[in-house]
Amino acid sequence: MVSRQNKKNTILTLFIQCGAISFLLLLSILIVACSGNGSSQLDPGTPVVTVTINLGQIIVSPTPTLSPYYCGGWATDTSPPFSTTSVVNVFGKFTHIVKVNNTENPEGVGNATATAYILWPDGTSDTLTATTTSDGLAVFPVAIKPSALNKLVTITITFTIPGVKPCTIPSAAYFTAILVSPTPTNTAVPSPTGTPSGSPTPGGTVTPTGTPRVTPTPSPTKHP
């Protein structure tokens, strides 16, 4: 009786082991098949990306440092009217960063040499020079040429001071001269004199002329 029971237990154990082995074999086949399909979509030359998440850490981009010198330029009027005596002023600004009490502020650079290169539409060019004021401002009076009519004129400005790299404005100043029709002037038209109002009053004294004629009055007649 005991031997039969042991035999049944042995058969059951073998059945369970065979089932477990079959399940593991089937699971391995599925894993290999899935991994094979996924690898076909990857570039062999692309490394596997590994993502690491660190909790409790804050990553902040560093604040970029300011450049020690800045410069810019602009025209006071980008569409000036054209005439033989037209002049447009072009401004240039030269500044540097000054640190005071851990605070960086821009400040004008005085006595710097500013050079403006003017490129006209006909291909010619002119050069003007100026010295910056105490607040770093340079002014260039540009006489407008006929070639600038309805055409773009560009002005590049470069600032130089001893011991410092020259600073050229990042974007050129510009203007385009336009032709403006003269405004007609109003001519004053004289107004007519006023119309006299009221009735005219005759003036002067009328003097009769000639001898007046007297008509005799008849006298009454007596009857007997």
N, C-alpha and C. Protein backbone atom coordinates (compact mmCIF):
# COMPACT_ATOMS: atom_id res chain seq x y z
N MET A 1 0.82 -1.19 0.00
CA MET A 1 0.00 0.00 0.00
C MET A 1 0.86 1.25 0.00
N VAL A 2 1.93 1.17 0.81
CA VAL A 2 2.83 2.33 0.91
C VAL A 2 3.58 2.50 -0.40
N SER A 3 3.96 1.41 -1.03
CA SER A 3 4.71 1.51 -2.27
C SER A 3 3.88 2.13 -3.38
N ARG A 4 2.56 1.80 -3.40
CA ARG A 4 1.70 2.39 -4.42
C ARG A 4 1.57 3.90 -4.21
N GLN A 5 1.46 4.33 -2.97
CA GLN A 5 1.33 5.75 -2.68
C GLN A 5 2.60 6.49 -3.07
N ASN A 6 3.75 5.89 -2.80
CA ASN A 6 5.01 6.54 -3.18
C ASN A 6 5.13 6.63 -4.70
N LYS A 7 4.62 5.62 -5.39
CA LYS A 7 4.68 5.64 -6.85
C LYS A 7 3.84 6.77 -7.41
N LYS A 8 2.61 6.96 -6.83
CA LYS A 8 1.75 8.04 -7.29
C LYS A 8 2.39 9.40 -7.04
N ASN A 9 3.03 9.55 -5.88
CA ASN A 9 3.69 10.83 -5.56
C ASN A 9 4.84 11.10 -6.52
N THR A 10 5.58 10.06 -6.89
CA THR A 10 6.71 10.23 -7.81
C THR A 10 6.23 10.66 -9.18
N ILE A 11 5.12 10.05 -9.66
CA ILE A 11 4.57 10.41 -10.98
C ILE A 11 4.08 11.85 -10.98
N LEU A 12 3.39 12.23 -9.89
CA LEU A 12 2.88 13.60 -9.80
C LEU A 12 4.01 14.61 -9.77
N THR A 13 5.10 14.28 -9.08
CA THR A 13 6.25 15.19 -9.02
C THR A 13 6.89 15.34 -10.39
N LEU A 14 7.02 14.23 -11.12
CA LEU A 14 7.61 14.29 -12.46
C LEU A 14 6.73 15.12 -13.39
N PHE A 15 5.40 14.98 -13.24
CA PHE A 15 4.49 15.74 -14.09
C PHE A 15 4.61 17.24 -13.83
N ILE A 16 4.71 17.57 -12.55
CA ILE A 16 4.85 19.00 -12.21
C ILE A 16 6.17 19.55 -12.72
N GLN A 17 7.26 18.80 -12.61
CA GLN A 17 8.56 19.26 -13.08
C GLN A 17 8.57 19.45 -14.59
N CYS A 18 7.94 18.48 -15.30
CA CYS A 18 7.89 18.60 -16.76
C CYS A 18 7.06 19.82 -17.18
N GLY A 19 5.98 20.06 -16.47
CA GLY A 19 5.16 21.24 -16.80
C GLY A 19 5.91 22.53 -16.56
N ALA A 20 6.64 22.58 -15.46
CA ALA A 20 7.41 23.79 -15.15
C ALA A 20 8.49 24.02 -16.20
N ILE A 21 9.16 22.95 -16.61
CA ILE A 21 10.21 23.10 -17.63
C ILE A 21 9.62 23.57 -18.94
N SER A 22 8.46 22.99 -19.31
CA SER A 22 7.81 23.41 -20.56
C SER A 22 7.40 24.89 -20.52
N PHE A 23 6.88 25.33 -19.35
CA PHE A 23 6.47 26.73 -19.21
C PHE A 23 7.67 27.67 -19.34
N LEU A 24 8.78 27.32 -18.69
CA LEU A 24 9.98 28.16 -18.78
C LEU A 24 10.51 28.20 -20.20
N LEU A 25 10.46 27.04 -20.91
CA LEU A 25 10.93 27.01 -22.29
C LEU A 25 10.07 27.90 -23.18
N LEU A 26 8.74 27.82 -22.99
CA LEU A 26 7.84 28.67 -23.78
C LEU A 26 8.06 30.15 -23.48
N LEU A 27 8.25 30.49 -22.23
CA LEU A 27 8.50 31.87 -21.84
C LEU A 27 9.81 32.38 -22.44
N SER A 28 10.83 31.56 -22.50
CA SER A 28 12.11 31.98 -23.09
C SER A 28 11.95 32.25 -24.58
N ILE A 29 11.15 31.38 -25.25
CA ILE A 29 10.93 31.59 -26.69
C ILE A 29 10.23 32.92 -26.95
N LEU A 30 9.22 33.24 -26.14
CA LEU A 30 8.51 34.51 -26.30
C LEU A 30 9.43 35.70 -26.07
N ILE A 31 10.29 35.63 -25.07
CA ILE A 31 11.21 36.74 -24.78
C ILE A 31 12.17 36.96 -25.93
N VAL A 32 12.68 35.86 -26.49
CA VAL A 32 13.62 35.99 -27.61
C VAL A 32 12.92 36.58 -28.83
N ALA A 33 11.69 36.17 -29.07
CA ALA A 33 10.96 36.68 -30.23
C ALA A 33 10.67 38.17 -30.09
N CYS A 34 10.26 38.59 -28.90
CA CYS A 34 9.98 40.02 -28.69
C CYS A 34 11.24 40.86 -28.81
N SER A 35 12.32 40.39 -28.22
CA SER A 35 13.57 41.16 -28.29
C SER A 35 14.09 41.22 -29.72
N GLY A 36 13.84 40.21 -30.52
CA GLY A 36 14.28 40.22 -31.91
C GLY A 36 13.52 41.24 -32.73
N ASN A 37 12.20 41.39 -32.50
CA ASN A 37 11.40 42.38 -33.22
C ASN A 37 11.81 43.80 -32.84
N GLY A 38 12.11 44.03 -31.59
CA GLY A 38 12.48 45.36 -31.15
C GLY A 38 13.84 45.78 -31.67
N SER A 39 14.76 44.86 -31.79
CA SER A 39 16.11 45.22 -32.23
C SER A 39 16.16 45.58 -33.70
N SER A 40 15.16 45.15 -34.48
CA SER A 40 15.18 45.46 -35.90
C SER A 40 14.88 46.93 -36.16
N GLN A 41 14.30 47.68 -35.20
CA GLN A 41 13.97 49.07 -35.36
C GLN A 41 15.05 50.00 -34.85
N LEU A 42 16.12 49.45 -34.30
CA LEU A 42 17.19 50.26 -33.74
C LEU A 42 18.33 50.35 -34.73
N ASP A 43 18.98 51.52 -34.73
CA ASP A 43 20.17 51.70 -35.54
C ASP A 43 21.33 51.01 -34.85
N PRO A 44 22.02 50.12 -35.53
CA PRO A 44 23.13 49.42 -34.85
C PRO A 44 24.20 50.37 -34.34
N GLY A 45 24.33 51.53 -34.99
CA GLY A 45 25.35 52.47 -34.56
C GLY A 45 24.91 53.39 -33.45
N THR A 46 23.65 53.32 -33.04
CA THR A 46 23.13 54.18 -31.99
C THR A 46 23.27 53.51 -30.64
N PRO A 47 23.99 54.11 -29.71
CA PRO A 47 24.14 53.47 -28.40
C PRO A 47 22.82 53.49 -27.64
N VAL A 48 22.70 52.57 -26.75
CA VAL A 48 21.50 52.48 -25.93
C VAL A 48 21.49 53.63 -24.93
N VAL A 49 20.35 54.35 -24.87
CA VAL A 49 20.22 55.49 -23.99
C VAL A 49 19.82 55.03 -22.61
N THR A 50 20.55 55.48 -21.63
CA THR A 50 20.25 55.14 -20.25
C THR A 50 19.80 56.40 -19.53
N VAL A 51 18.63 56.36 -18.93
CA VAL A 51 18.06 57.50 -18.22
C VAL A 51 18.21 57.28 -16.73
N THR A 52 18.82 58.25 -16.08
CA THR A 52 18.98 58.18 -14.63
C THR A 52 18.24 59.35 -14.00
N ILE A 53 17.36 59.08 -13.08
CA ILE A 53 16.56 60.10 -12.41
C ILE A 53 17.08 60.25 -10.99
N ASN A 54 17.53 61.46 -10.67
CA ASN A 54 18.00 61.76 -9.32
C ASN A 54 16.98 62.66 -8.64
N LEU A 55 16.34 62.14 -7.65
CA LEU A 55 15.34 62.91 -6.91
C LEU A 55 16.01 63.83 -5.92
N GLY A 56 15.39 64.99 -5.71
CA GLY A 56 15.90 65.92 -4.72
C GLY A 56 16.99 66.84 -5.24
N GLN A 57 17.27 66.81 -6.58
CA GLN A 57 18.29 67.68 -7.16
C GLN A 57 17.63 68.66 -8.12
N ILE A 58 18.04 69.94 -8.05
CA ILE A 58 17.53 70.99 -8.92
C ILE A 58 18.67 71.47 -9.81
N ILE A 59 18.47 71.35 -11.12
CA ILE A 59 19.49 71.76 -12.08
C ILE A 59 19.09 73.11 -12.67
N VAL A 60 19.88 74.13 -12.49
CA VAL A 60 19.59 75.47 -12.96
C VAL A 60 20.66 75.88 -13.95
N SER A 61 20.22 76.45 -15.10
CA SER A 61 21.19 76.91 -16.09
C SER A 61 21.97 78.10 -15.54
N PRO A 62 23.26 78.14 -15.73
CA PRO A 62 24.03 79.27 -15.21
C PRO A 62 23.69 80.56 -15.95
N THR A 63 23.69 81.67 -15.26
CA THR A 63 23.41 82.98 -15.85
C THR A 63 24.60 83.41 -16.70
N PRO A 64 24.37 83.72 -17.99
CA PRO A 64 25.51 84.12 -18.83
C PRO A 64 26.08 85.46 -18.36
N THR A 65 27.36 85.57 -18.45
CA THR A 65 28.02 86.81 -18.06
C THR A 65 27.84 87.88 -19.14
N LEU A 66 27.73 89.12 -18.71
CA LEU A 66 27.55 90.22 -19.64
C LEU A 66 28.86 90.56 -20.33
N SER A 67 28.73 90.98 -21.59
CA SER A 67 29.91 91.42 -22.32
C SER A 67 30.40 92.73 -21.72
N PRO A 68 31.70 92.97 -21.67
CA PRO A 68 32.18 94.20 -21.03
C PRO A 68 31.81 95.46 -21.82
N TYR A 69 31.64 95.37 -23.14
CA TYR A 69 31.34 96.55 -23.97
C TYR A 69 30.20 96.24 -24.93
N TYR A 70 29.36 97.25 -25.13
CA TYR A 70 28.25 97.15 -26.07
C TYR A 70 28.21 98.40 -26.94
N CYS A 71 27.67 98.26 -28.16
CA CYS A 71 27.53 99.42 -29.05
C CYS A 71 26.33 99.21 -29.96
N GLY A 72 25.76 100.31 -30.41
CA GLY A 72 24.61 100.27 -31.30
C GLY A 72 24.51 101.56 -32.09
N GLY A 73 23.66 101.57 -33.10
CA GLY A 73 23.49 102.76 -33.94
C GLY A 73 22.11 102.79 -34.57
N TRP A 74 21.62 103.99 -34.86
CA TRP A 74 20.30 104.15 -35.48
C TRP A 74 20.21 105.53 -36.13
N ALA A 75 19.29 105.65 -37.10
CA ALA A 75 19.01 106.92 -37.76
C ALA A 75 17.81 107.56 -37.09
N THR A 76 17.87 108.87 -36.89
CA THR A 76 16.76 109.55 -36.22
C THR A 76 15.51 109.57 -37.09
N ASP A 77 15.67 109.47 -38.41
CA ASP A 77 14.54 109.44 -39.32
C ASP A 77 14.87 108.44 -40.42
N THR A 78 14.11 107.35 -40.47
CA THR A 78 14.40 106.32 -41.47
C THR A 78 13.75 106.61 -42.82
N SER A 79 12.89 107.63 -42.89
CA SER A 79 12.26 108.02 -44.17
C SER A 79 12.31 109.53 -44.31
N PRO A 80 13.50 110.11 -44.41
CA PRO A 80 13.60 111.57 -44.51
C PRO A 80 13.16 112.06 -45.88
N PRO A 81 12.55 113.25 -45.96
CA PRO A 81 12.20 113.81 -47.27
C PRO A 81 13.46 114.25 -48.01
N PHE A 82 13.47 114.02 -49.31
CA PHE A 82 14.66 114.34 -50.09
C PHE A 82 14.60 115.77 -50.63
N SER A 83 15.75 116.45 -50.51
CA SER A 83 15.97 117.75 -51.15
C SER A 83 17.47 117.92 -51.28
N THR A 84 17.87 118.96 -51.96
CA THR A 84 19.31 119.17 -52.18
C THR A 84 20.03 119.55 -50.89
N THR A 85 19.29 119.94 -49.87
CA THR A 85 19.92 120.35 -48.60
C THR A 85 19.52 119.43 -47.44
N SER A 86 18.95 118.26 -47.74
CA SER A 86 18.47 117.37 -46.67
C SER A 86 19.65 116.75 -45.93
N VAL A 87 19.52 116.67 -44.60
CA VAL A 87 20.52 116.04 -43.73
C VAL A 87 19.78 115.16 -42.72
N VAL A 88 20.25 113.95 -42.53
CA VAL A 88 19.69 113.05 -41.53
C VAL A 88 20.77 112.74 -40.51
N ASN A 89 20.43 112.79 -39.23
CA ASN A 89 21.38 112.51 -38.16
C ASN A 89 21.37 111.03 -37.83
N VAL A 90 22.56 110.45 -37.75
CA VAL A 90 22.74 109.06 -37.36
C VAL A 90 23.44 109.04 -36.00
N PHE A 91 22.86 108.34 -35.03
CA PHE A 91 23.41 108.28 -33.68
C PHE A 91 24.11 106.94 -33.46
N GLY A 92 25.19 107.00 -32.67
CA GLY A 92 25.88 105.80 -32.23
C GLY A 92 26.06 105.85 -30.72
N LYS A 93 25.93 104.69 -30.06
CA LYS A 93 26.03 104.61 -28.60
C LYS A 93 27.05 103.56 -28.22
N PHE A 94 27.97 103.94 -27.30
CA PHE A 94 29.05 103.06 -26.86
C PHE A 94 29.00 103.00 -25.34
N THR A 95 28.79 101.80 -24.78
CA THR A 95 28.67 101.63 -23.34
C THR A 95 29.54 100.47 -22.86
N HIS A 96 29.83 100.47 -21.57
CA HIS A 96 30.50 99.34 -20.95
C HIS A 96 29.84 99.05 -19.61
N ILE A 97 30.05 97.84 -19.11
CA ILE A 97 29.39 97.38 -17.89
C ILE A 97 30.28 97.72 -16.69
N VAL A 98 29.68 98.40 -15.72
CA VAL A 98 30.37 98.78 -14.50
C VAL A 98 29.69 98.08 -13.32
N LYS A 99 30.49 97.43 -12.47
CA LYS A 99 29.95 96.70 -11.33
C LYS A 99 30.08 97.56 -10.07
N VAL A 100 28.94 97.87 -9.47
CA VAL A 100 28.90 98.67 -8.25
C VAL A 100 28.02 97.95 -7.24
N ASN A 101 28.58 97.62 -6.07
CA ASN A 101 27.83 96.93 -5.02
C ASN A 101 27.18 95.65 -5.54
N ASN A 102 28.00 94.86 -6.24
CA ASN A 102 27.56 93.58 -6.80
C ASN A 102 26.43 93.74 -7.82
N THR A 103 26.26 94.93 -8.37
CA THR A 103 25.25 95.18 -9.39
C THR A 103 25.93 95.70 -10.65
N GLU A 104 25.65 95.08 -11.77
CA GLU A 104 26.26 95.47 -13.04
C GLU A 104 25.32 96.41 -13.79
N ASN A 105 25.81 97.59 -14.13
CA ASN A 105 25.03 98.60 -14.81
C ASN A 105 25.79 99.11 -16.03
N PRO A 106 25.07 99.42 -17.14
CA PRO A 106 25.75 99.99 -18.31
C PRO A 106 26.09 101.46 -18.08
N GLU A 107 27.23 101.89 -18.61
CA GLU A 107 27.69 103.27 -18.47
C GLU A 107 28.33 103.71 -19.79
N GLY A 108 28.05 104.93 -20.20
CA GLY A 108 28.59 105.43 -21.46
C GLY A 108 30.10 105.58 -21.42
N VAL A 109 30.72 105.36 -22.57
CA VAL A 109 32.17 105.49 -22.71
C VAL A 109 32.45 106.80 -23.45
N GLY A 110 33.08 107.73 -22.77
CA GLY A 110 33.38 109.02 -23.38
C GLY A 110 34.75 109.05 -24.05
N ASN A 111 34.93 110.04 -24.94
CA ASN A 111 36.21 110.26 -25.64
C ASN A 111 36.65 109.07 -26.48
N ALA A 112 35.69 108.27 -26.93
CA ALA A 112 36.02 107.17 -27.84
C ALA A 112 35.88 107.66 -29.28
N THR A 113 36.66 107.09 -30.16
CA THR A 113 36.58 107.45 -31.58
C THR A 113 35.53 106.59 -32.26
N ALA A 114 34.56 107.26 -32.89
CA ALA A 114 33.50 106.55 -33.61
C ALA A 114 33.65 106.83 -35.10
N THR A 115 33.65 105.79 -35.89
CA THR A 115 33.80 105.90 -37.34
C THR A 115 32.58 105.30 -38.01
N ALA A 116 31.93 106.10 -38.86
CA ALA A 116 30.73 105.65 -39.58
C ALA A 116 31.09 105.41 -41.05
N TYR A 117 30.74 104.23 -41.55
CA TYR A 117 30.96 103.87 -42.95
C TYR A 117 29.59 103.87 -43.64
N ILE A 118 29.38 104.80 -44.55
CA ILE A 118 28.09 104.98 -45.22
C ILE A 118 28.17 104.36 -46.60
N LEU A 119 27.29 103.40 -46.88
CA LEU A 119 27.25 102.73 -48.18
C LEU A 119 26.01 103.21 -48.93
N TRP A 120 26.24 103.89 -50.07
CA TRP A 120 25.15 104.43 -50.88
C TRP A 120 24.69 103.40 -51.90
N PRO A 121 23.43 103.54 -52.38
CA PRO A 121 22.90 102.55 -53.34
C PRO A 121 23.67 102.49 -54.66
N ASP A 122 24.35 103.57 -55.05
CA ASP A 122 25.09 103.53 -56.32
C ASP A 122 26.46 102.88 -56.18
N GLY A 123 26.78 102.35 -55.00
CA GLY A 123 28.04 101.66 -54.80
C GLY A 123 29.13 102.50 -54.19
N THR A 124 28.94 103.81 -54.09
CA THR A 124 29.94 104.68 -53.47
C THR A 124 29.80 104.61 -51.95
N SER A 125 30.82 105.09 -51.26
CA SER A 125 30.81 105.07 -49.79
C SER A 125 31.47 106.33 -49.26
N ASP A 126 31.08 106.70 -48.06
CA ASP A 126 31.66 107.85 -47.36
C ASP A 126 32.03 107.42 -45.95
N THR A 127 32.97 108.16 -45.35
CA THR A 127 33.40 107.89 -43.99
C THR A 127 33.32 109.17 -43.16
N LEU A 128 32.67 109.06 -42.01
CA LEU A 128 32.58 110.17 -41.07
C LEU A 128 33.13 109.72 -39.73
N THR A 129 33.79 110.64 -39.02
CA THR A 129 34.32 110.33 -37.69
C THR A 129 33.76 111.32 -36.67
N ALA A 130 33.64 110.85 -35.45
CA ALA A 130 33.15 111.68 -34.34
C ALA A 130 33.73 111.15 -33.05
N THR A 131 33.66 111.96 -32.00
CA THR A 131 34.13 111.58 -30.67
C THR A 131 32.93 111.49 -29.74
N THR A 132 32.86 110.41 -28.98
CA THR A 132 31.70 110.22 -28.11
C THR A 132 31.71 111.22 -26.97
N THR A 133 30.52 111.59 -26.53
CA THR A 133 30.36 112.46 -25.36
C THR A 133 30.55 111.65 -24.09
N SER A 134 30.36 112.30 -22.96
CA SER A 134 30.58 111.61 -21.68
C SER A 134 29.60 110.46 -21.47
N ASP A 135 28.44 110.51 -22.13
CA ASP A 135 27.48 109.41 -22.01
C ASP A 135 27.61 108.41 -23.14
N GLY A 136 28.70 108.49 -23.93
CA GLY A 136 28.95 107.51 -24.97
C GLY A 136 28.20 107.72 -26.26
N LEU A 137 27.69 108.93 -26.51
CA LEU A 137 26.90 109.20 -27.70
C LEU A 137 27.74 109.89 -28.77
N ALA A 138 27.61 109.43 -30.01
CA ALA A 138 28.26 110.04 -31.18
C ALA A 138 27.19 110.38 -32.21
N VAL A 139 27.32 111.57 -32.83
CA VAL A 139 26.32 112.04 -33.79
C VAL A 139 27.01 112.26 -35.14
N PHE A 140 26.39 111.73 -36.20
CA PHE A 140 26.92 111.88 -37.57
C PHE A 140 25.86 112.55 -38.44
N PRO A 141 26.08 113.81 -38.86
CA PRO A 141 25.15 114.43 -39.81
C PRO A 141 25.45 113.96 -41.22
N VAL A 142 24.52 113.24 -41.83
CA VAL A 142 24.72 112.66 -43.14
C VAL A 142 23.91 113.46 -44.17
N ALA A 143 24.62 114.08 -45.12
CA ALA A 143 23.95 114.79 -46.20
C ALA A 143 23.42 113.78 -47.21
N ILE A 144 22.13 113.85 -47.53
CA ILE A 144 21.49 112.87 -48.38
C ILE A 144 21.85 113.11 -49.84
N LYS A 145 22.26 112.03 -50.52
CA LYS A 145 22.61 112.10 -51.93
C LYS A 145 21.40 111.70 -52.79
N PRO A 146 21.38 112.14 -54.07
CA PRO A 146 20.25 111.76 -54.94
C PRO A 146 20.09 110.26 -55.12
N SER A 147 21.18 109.49 -55.00
CA SER A 147 21.07 108.04 -55.18
C SER A 147 20.28 107.38 -54.07
N ALA A 148 20.07 108.10 -52.97
CA ALA A 148 19.33 107.53 -51.84
C ALA A 148 17.82 107.62 -52.01
N LEU A 149 17.36 108.24 -53.10
CA LEU A 149 15.93 108.40 -53.31
C LEU A 149 15.29 107.03 -53.55
N ASN A 150 14.38 106.65 -52.64
CA ASN A 150 13.66 105.37 -52.69
C ASN A 150 14.60 104.16 -52.67
N LYS A 151 15.81 104.35 -52.15
CA LYS A 151 16.78 103.25 -52.04
C LYS A 151 17.30 103.20 -50.60
N LEU A 152 17.73 102.02 -50.19
CA LEU A 152 18.20 101.81 -48.83
C LEU A 152 19.66 102.23 -48.68
N VAL A 153 19.94 103.02 -47.65
CA VAL A 153 21.31 103.44 -47.31
C VAL A 153 21.65 102.82 -45.96
N THR A 154 22.80 102.15 -45.87
CA THR A 154 23.21 101.51 -44.62
C THR A 154 24.44 102.21 -44.06
N ILE A 155 24.49 102.27 -42.71
CA ILE A 155 25.60 102.91 -42.01
C ILE A 155 26.11 101.96 -40.94
N THR A 156 27.39 101.61 -41.04
CA THR A 156 28.05 100.77 -40.04
C THR A 156 28.97 101.64 -39.19
N ILE A 157 28.89 101.48 -37.87
CA ILE A 157 29.66 102.31 -36.94
C ILE A 157 30.58 101.43 -36.11
N THR A 158 31.83 101.87 -35.97
CA THR A 158 32.82 101.16 -35.16
C THR A 158 33.40 102.11 -34.13
N PHE A 159 33.47 101.65 -32.87
CA PHE A 159 34.00 102.45 -31.76
C PHE A 159 35.35 101.87 -31.35
N THR A 160 36.31 102.75 -31.10
CA THR A 160 37.64 102.31 -30.67
C THR A 160 38.14 103.19 -29.53
N ILE A 161 38.78 102.54 -28.57
CA ILE A 161 39.50 103.23 -27.49
C ILE A 161 40.78 102.43 -27.24
N PRO A 162 41.81 103.09 -26.74
CA PRO A 162 43.08 102.38 -26.52
C PRO A 162 42.92 101.22 -25.54
N GLY A 163 43.53 100.10 -25.88
CA GLY A 163 43.56 98.94 -25.00
C GLY A 163 42.31 98.10 -25.00
N VAL A 164 41.35 98.41 -25.86
CA VAL A 164 40.09 97.66 -25.90
C VAL A 164 39.82 97.23 -27.34
N LYS A 165 39.30 96.04 -27.49
CA LYS A 165 38.97 95.54 -28.83
C LYS A 165 37.89 96.42 -29.45
N PRO A 166 38.03 96.80 -30.74
CA PRO A 166 37.01 97.64 -31.38
C PRO A 166 35.63 97.01 -31.32
N CYS A 167 34.64 97.86 -31.16
CA CYS A 167 33.25 97.40 -31.08
C CYS A 167 32.49 97.91 -32.30
N THR A 168 31.96 96.99 -33.11
CA THR A 168 31.17 97.33 -34.29
C THR A 168 29.71 97.00 -34.01
N ILE A 169 28.82 97.92 -34.37
CA ILE A 169 27.41 97.70 -34.08
C ILE A 169 26.93 96.42 -34.76
N PRO A 170 26.11 95.61 -34.07
CA PRO A 170 25.70 94.32 -34.65
C PRO A 170 24.78 94.46 -35.85
N SER A 171 23.96 95.52 -35.88
CA SER A 171 23.05 95.75 -37.01
C SER A 171 23.27 97.15 -37.54
N ALA A 172 23.42 97.27 -38.85
CA ALA A 172 23.70 98.57 -39.45
C ALA A 172 22.49 99.48 -39.34
N ALA A 173 22.76 100.78 -39.11
CA ALA A 173 21.70 101.78 -39.18
C ALA A 173 21.32 101.99 -40.65
N TYR A 174 20.11 102.52 -40.88
CA TYR A 174 19.66 102.64 -42.27
C TYR A 174 18.64 103.76 -42.40
N PHE A 175 18.43 104.21 -43.63
CA PHE A 175 17.35 105.13 -43.95
C PHE A 175 17.10 105.08 -45.45
N THR A 176 15.94 105.54 -45.88
CA THR A 176 15.54 105.61 -47.29
C THR A 176 14.91 106.97 -47.53
N ALA A 177 15.50 107.75 -48.40
CA ALA A 177 14.96 109.07 -48.71
C ALA A 177 13.73 108.94 -49.61
N ILE A 178 12.74 109.77 -49.36
CA ILE A 178 11.52 109.74 -50.14
C ILE A 178 11.27 111.12 -50.73
N LEU A 179 10.54 111.15 -51.83
CA LEU A 179 10.20 112.40 -52.50
C LEU A 179 8.82 112.83 -52.03
N VAL A 180 8.78 114.03 -51.47
CA VAL A 180 7.53 114.55 -50.92
C VAL A 180 7.05 115.68 -51.82
N SER A 181 5.79 115.61 -52.23
CA SER A 181 5.21 116.67 -53.06
C SER A 181 5.05 117.94 -52.25
N PRO A 182 5.35 119.09 -52.87
CA PRO A 182 5.19 120.35 -52.11
C PRO A 182 3.74 120.60 -51.75
N THR A 183 3.55 121.13 -50.58
CA THR A 183 2.20 121.43 -50.11
C THR A 183 1.74 122.74 -50.73
N PRO A 184 0.59 122.76 -51.45
CA PRO A 184 0.12 124.02 -52.05
C PRO A 184 -0.23 125.05 -50.99
N THR A 185 0.13 126.30 -51.29
CA THR A 185 -0.16 127.38 -50.35
C THR A 185 -1.50 128.00 -50.70
N ASN A 186 -2.21 128.39 -49.68
CA ASN A 186 -3.50 129.03 -49.87
C ASN A 186 -3.32 130.52 -50.17
N THR A 187 -3.90 130.99 -51.31
CA THR A 187 -3.82 132.40 -51.69
C THR A 187 -5.04 133.13 -51.15
N ALA A 188 -4.79 134.23 -50.45
CA ALA A 188 -5.90 134.98 -49.86
C ALA A 188 -6.69 135.69 -50.95
N VAL A 189 -7.99 135.50 -50.92
CA VAL A 189 -8.89 136.15 -51.89
C VAL A 189 -9.55 137.33 -51.18
N PRO A 190 -9.43 138.57 -51.75
CA PRO A 190 -10.05 139.72 -51.07
C PRO A 190 -11.56 139.58 -51.06
N SER A 191 -12.15 139.85 -49.93
CA SER A 191 -13.60 139.75 -49.79
C SER A 191 -14.26 141.03 -50.29
N PRO A 192 -15.46 140.97 -50.89
CA PRO A 192 -16.15 142.19 -51.36
C PRO A 192 -16.55 143.08 -50.20
N THR A 193 -16.68 144.37 -50.56
CA THR A 193 -17.08 145.32 -49.51
C THR A 193 -18.50 145.03 -49.07
N GLY A 194 -18.84 145.47 -47.89
CA GLY A 194 -20.14 145.19 -47.31
C GLY A 194 -21.27 145.88 -48.06
N THR A 195 -22.41 145.25 -48.11
CA THR A 195 -23.59 145.81 -48.75
C THR A 195 -24.23 146.84 -47.82
N PRO A 196 -24.50 148.03 -48.32
CA PRO A 196 -25.11 149.04 -47.43
C PRO A 196 -26.49 148.60 -47.00
N SER A 197 -26.77 148.83 -45.75
CA SER A 197 -28.06 148.44 -45.19
C SER A 197 -28.90 149.68 -44.92
N GLY A 198 -30.22 149.51 -44.88
CA GLY A 198 -31.11 150.63 -44.59
C GLY A 198 -31.48 151.39 -45.86
N SER A 199 -32.40 152.32 -45.74
CA SER A 199 -32.86 153.15 -46.88
C SER A 199 -32.04 154.42 -46.95
N PRO A 200 -31.73 154.85 -48.16
CA PRO A 200 -30.95 156.09 -48.27
C PRO A 200 -31.79 157.29 -47.83
N THR A 201 -31.16 158.19 -47.15
CA THR A 201 -31.84 159.40 -46.67
C THR A 201 -31.44 160.56 -47.55
N PRO A 202 -32.39 161.21 -48.21
CA PRO A 202 -32.02 162.35 -49.06
C PRO A 202 -31.49 163.49 -48.24
N GLY A 203 -30.51 164.09 -48.77
CA GLY A 203 -29.91 165.21 -48.04
C GLY A 203 -30.03 166.50 -48.85
N GLY A 204 -29.76 167.61 -48.24
CA GLY A 204 -29.80 168.89 -48.94
C GLY A 204 -31.19 169.58 -48.83
N THR A 205 -31.28 170.82 -49.25
CA THR A 205 -32.54 171.58 -49.20
C THR A 205 -32.97 171.93 -50.60
N VAL A 206 -34.25 171.71 -50.88
CA VAL A 206 -34.79 171.99 -52.21
C VAL A 206 -35.27 173.44 -52.25
N THR A 207 -34.76 174.21 -53.17
CA THR A 207 -35.15 175.63 -53.33
C THR A 207 -36.02 175.77 -54.58
N PRO A 208 -37.23 176.29 -54.44
CA PRO A 208 -38.08 176.43 -55.64
C PRO A 208 -37.53 177.51 -56.55
N THR A 209 -37.68 177.28 -57.80
CA THR A 209 -37.23 178.25 -58.81
C THR A 209 -38.45 178.84 -59.55
N GLY A 210 -38.30 179.99 -60.13
CA GLY A 210 -39.38 180.62 -60.89
C GLY A 210 -40.31 181.44 -60.00
N THR A 211 -41.27 182.15 -60.64
CA THR A 211 -42.23 183.01 -59.92
C THR A 211 -43.49 182.22 -59.68
N PRO A 212 -43.93 182.24 -58.45
CA PRO A 212 -45.14 181.46 -58.16
C PRO A 212 -46.35 182.12 -58.82
N ARG A 213 -47.26 181.36 -59.32
CA ARG A 213 -48.48 181.88 -59.93
C ARG A 213 -49.58 181.86 -58.89
N VAL A 214 -50.35 183.03 -58.80
CA VAL A 214 -51.44 183.14 -57.82
C VAL A 214 -52.75 183.00 -58.55
N THR A 215 -53.57 182.16 -58.09
CA THR A 215 -54.91 181.98 -58.69
C THR A 215 -55.89 182.89 -57.97
N PRO A 216 -56.58 183.81 -58.71
CA PRO A 216 -57.52 184.75 -58.04
C PRO A 216 -58.71 184.01 -57.47
N THR A 217 -59.16 184.50 -56.31
CA THR A 217 -60.33 183.90 -55.66
C THR A 217 -61.57 184.67 -56.08
N PRO A 218 -62.60 184.10 -56.61
CA PRO A 218 -63.80 184.85 -57.01
C PRO A 218 -64.52 185.46 -55.80
N SER A 219 -65.05 186.68 -55.98
CA SER A 219 -65.76 187.39 -54.91
C SER A 219 -67.25 187.03 -55.01
N PRO A 220 -67.94 187.08 -53.95
CA PRO A 220 -69.38 186.76 -53.99
C PRO A 220 -70.16 187.85 -54.73
N THR A 221 -71.26 187.47 -55.43
CA THR A 221 -72.12 188.38 -56.19
C THR A 221 -73.38 188.66 -55.39
N LYS A 222 -73.79 189.96 -55.33
CA LYS A 222 -75.00 190.34 -54.61
C LYS A 222 -76.21 190.25 -55.52
N HIS A 223 -77.35 189.75 -55.05
CA HIS A 223 -78.59 189.67 -55.80
C HIS A 223 -79.60 190.65 -55.17
N PRO A 224 -80.46 191.38 -56.02
CA PRO A 224 -81.44 192.32 -55.45
C PRO A 224 -82.57 191.56 -54.76
